[in-house]
Amino acid sequence: MFGASRSTSNASAEARRHEERVRREQEHEQRERKREQQRIDKKAERNRKQKEKAFERSISLPSEQHEARIVELAKRLDEDLAAICNGFSASLAWRVTPPQQIPGMLIPGRKPVETRLLLQEIITEICRYIVTTAAK
């Protein structure tokens, strides 16, 4: 009779040890997932800050240099070029000066204007802020 209770006791102790091992493994996996998520979040935050700094530096450059800087940034951060371009465009849009503060900006008036000159000035202003590439 004592032999049967010992084997039952051993079996229940083994079951408890197994449950404890499984619980510890699950906790370990959960901690690892949390650490990995924290690493991902830190990397994303670092990349965001780097993008903001790069956008600030690029905006002050002539528009002809924007594309090269954006391509270089996308390669350095190993991110999608289209996503970086969209971020740069959005960043640029927030920094555009209101029209009344742009030197030489035409303010609507009652006098007739020469359309060709007006359009050329508009194109010149747009090209200062938009990155364009030659059509192939």
Protein backbone atom coordinates (compact mmCIF):
# COMPACT_ATOMS: atom_id res chain seq x y z
CA MET A 1 0.00 0.00 0.00
CA PHE A 2 2.83 2.39 0.79
CA GLY A 3 4.47 1.70 -2.57
CA ALA A 4 1.35 2.80 -4.47
CA SER A 5 1.05 6.05 -2.53
CA ARG A 6 4.75 6.81 -3.13
CA SER A 7 4.39 6.36 -6.88
CA THR A 8 1.27 8.55 -6.82
CA SER A 9 3.18 11.11 -4.77
CA ASN A 10 6.15 10.92 -7.18
CA ALA A 11 3.84 11.31 -10.17
CA SER A 12 2.10 14.36 -8.68
CA ALA A 13 5.47 15.89 -7.73
CA GLU A 14 6.71 15.27 -11.27
CA ALA A 15 3.54 16.88 -12.67
CA ARG A 16 4.06 19.93 -10.44
CA ARG A 17 7.71 20.20 -11.53
CA HIS A 18 6.64 19.94 -15.17
CA GLU A 19 3.95 22.64 -14.68
CA GLU A 20 6.53 24.87 -12.97
CA ARG A 21 8.98 24.36 -15.85
CA VAL A 22 6.30 25.20 -18.40
CA ARG A 23 5.30 28.31 -16.44
CA ARG A 24 8.93 29.49 -16.20
CA GLU A 25 9.46 28.92 -19.92
CA GLN A 26 6.31 30.90 -20.72
CA GLU A 27 7.44 33.75 -18.45
CA HIS A 28 10.88 33.68 -20.06
CA GLU A 29 9.36 33.82 -23.55
CA GLN A 30 7.10 36.68 -22.49
CA ARG A 31 10.08 38.64 -21.09
CA GLU A 32 12.01 38.01 -24.32
CA ARG A 33 9.08 39.25 -26.45
CA LYS A 34 8.83 42.35 -24.26
CA ARG A 35 12.60 43.02 -24.58
CA GLU A 36 12.43 42.54 -28.34
CA GLN A 37 9.50 44.96 -28.60
CA GLN A 38 11.43 47.49 -26.51
CA ARG A 39 14.44 47.12 -28.85
CA ILE A 40 12.16 47.65 -31.86
CA ASP A 41 10.55 50.71 -30.25
CA LYS A 42 13.96 52.21 -29.38
CA LYS A 43 15.21 51.67 -32.93
CA ALA A 44 12.06 53.26 -34.36
CA GLU A 45 12.47 56.26 -32.06
CA ARG A 46 16.14 56.64 -33.01
CA ASN A 47 15.21 56.46 -36.70
CA ARG A 48 12.44 59.03 -36.21
CA LYS A 49 14.87 61.44 -34.55
CA GLN A 50 17.47 60.86 -37.25
CA LYS A 51 14.85 61.52 -39.93
CA GLU A 52 13.76 64.75 -38.27
CA LYS A 53 17.35 65.98 -38.06
CA ALA A 54 18.07 64.98 -41.65
CA PHE A 55 14.87 66.68 -42.85
CA GLU A 56 15.85 69.87 -41.01
CA ARG A 57 19.27 69.86 -42.63
CA SER A 58 17.90 68.99 -46.08
CA ILE A 59 15.21 71.66 -46.09
CA SER A 60 17.83 74.39 -45.85
CA LEU A 61 19.63 73.01 -48.91
CA PRO A 62 18.78 73.87 -52.52
CA SER A 63 15.91 71.75 -53.85
CA GLU A 64 18.25 70.04 -56.36
CA GLN A 65 20.02 68.33 -53.45
CA HIS A 66 16.89 67.07 -51.68
CA GLU A 67 16.54 63.86 -53.68
CA ALA A 68 20.14 62.74 -53.11
CA ARG A 69 19.87 63.41 -49.38
CA ILE A 70 16.59 61.51 -49.12
CA VAL A 71 17.98 58.49 -51.02
CA GLU A 72 21.06 58.47 -48.77
CA LEU A 73 18.87 58.66 -45.65
CA ALA A 74 16.67 55.78 -46.82
CA LYS A 75 19.74 53.60 -47.41
CA ARG A 76 21.32 54.55 -44.08
CA LEU A 77 18.16 53.78 -42.11
CA ASP A 78 17.30 50.77 -44.30
CA GLU A 79 13.78 52.11 -44.87
CA ASP A 80 11.48 52.35 -47.86
CA LEU A 81 12.40 55.29 -50.09
CA ALA A 82 8.74 56.17 -50.74
CA ALA A 83 8.06 56.34 -47.00
CA ILE A 84 11.05 58.63 -46.45
CA CYS A 85 9.94 60.84 -49.37
CA ASN A 86 6.44 61.08 -47.92
CA GLY A 87 7.85 61.99 -44.52
CA PHE A 88 10.09 64.64 -46.05
CA SER A 89 7.19 66.11 -48.04
CA ALA A 90 5.04 66.26 -44.91
CA SER A 91 7.88 67.84 -42.94
CA LEU A 92 8.42 70.36 -45.71
CA ALA A 93 4.72 71.23 -45.86
CA TRP A 94 4.76 72.19 -42.16
CA ARG A 95 7.65 74.56 -42.69
CA VAL A 96 6.42 76.48 -45.71
CA THR A 97 6.29 80.15 -44.91
CA PRO A 98 2.90 81.88 -45.23
CA PRO A 99 2.62 83.71 -48.60
CA GLN A 100 2.64 87.21 -47.10
CA GLN A 101 6.08 86.51 -45.61
CA ILE A 102 7.76 85.26 -48.81
CA PRO A 103 9.81 88.03 -50.40
CA GLY A 104 8.57 88.87 -53.89
CA MET A 105 5.33 86.94 -53.44
CA LEU A 106 2.53 88.39 -55.51
CA ILE A 107 -0.51 89.49 -53.56
CA PRO A 108 -3.78 89.47 -55.52
CA GLY A 109 -4.85 92.95 -56.62
CA ARG A 110 -7.10 94.70 -59.08
CA LYS A 111 -4.43 95.33 -61.71
CA PRO A 112 -4.09 92.92 -64.63
CA VAL A 113 -0.95 90.79 -64.54
CA GLU A 114 1.13 89.16 -67.23
CA THR A 115 0.11 85.50 -67.00
CA ARG A 116 3.37 84.06 -68.35
CA LEU A 117 5.41 85.97 -65.77
CA LEU A 118 3.03 84.97 -62.98
CA LEU A 119 3.20 81.28 -63.93
CA GLN A 120 6.99 81.39 -64.20
CA GLU A 121 7.23 82.88 -60.70
CA ILE A 122 4.86 80.23 -59.35
CA ILE A 123 6.93 77.45 -60.95
CA THR A 124 10.10 78.97 -59.49
CA GLU A 125 8.55 79.05 -56.00
CA ILE A 126 7.27 75.47 -56.28
CA CYS A 127 10.66 74.20 -57.46
CA ARG A 128 12.24 75.64 -54.32
CA TYR A 129 10.22 73.23 -52.17
CA ILE A 130 9.42 70.18 -54.33
CA VAL A 131 11.93 67.53 -55.42
CA THR A 132 11.44 66.75 -59.10
CA THR A 133 13.19 64.34 -61.44
CA ALA A 134 13.54 64.48 -65.19
CA ALA A 135 11.04 62.36 -67.13
CA LYS A 136 12.55 59.41 -69.00
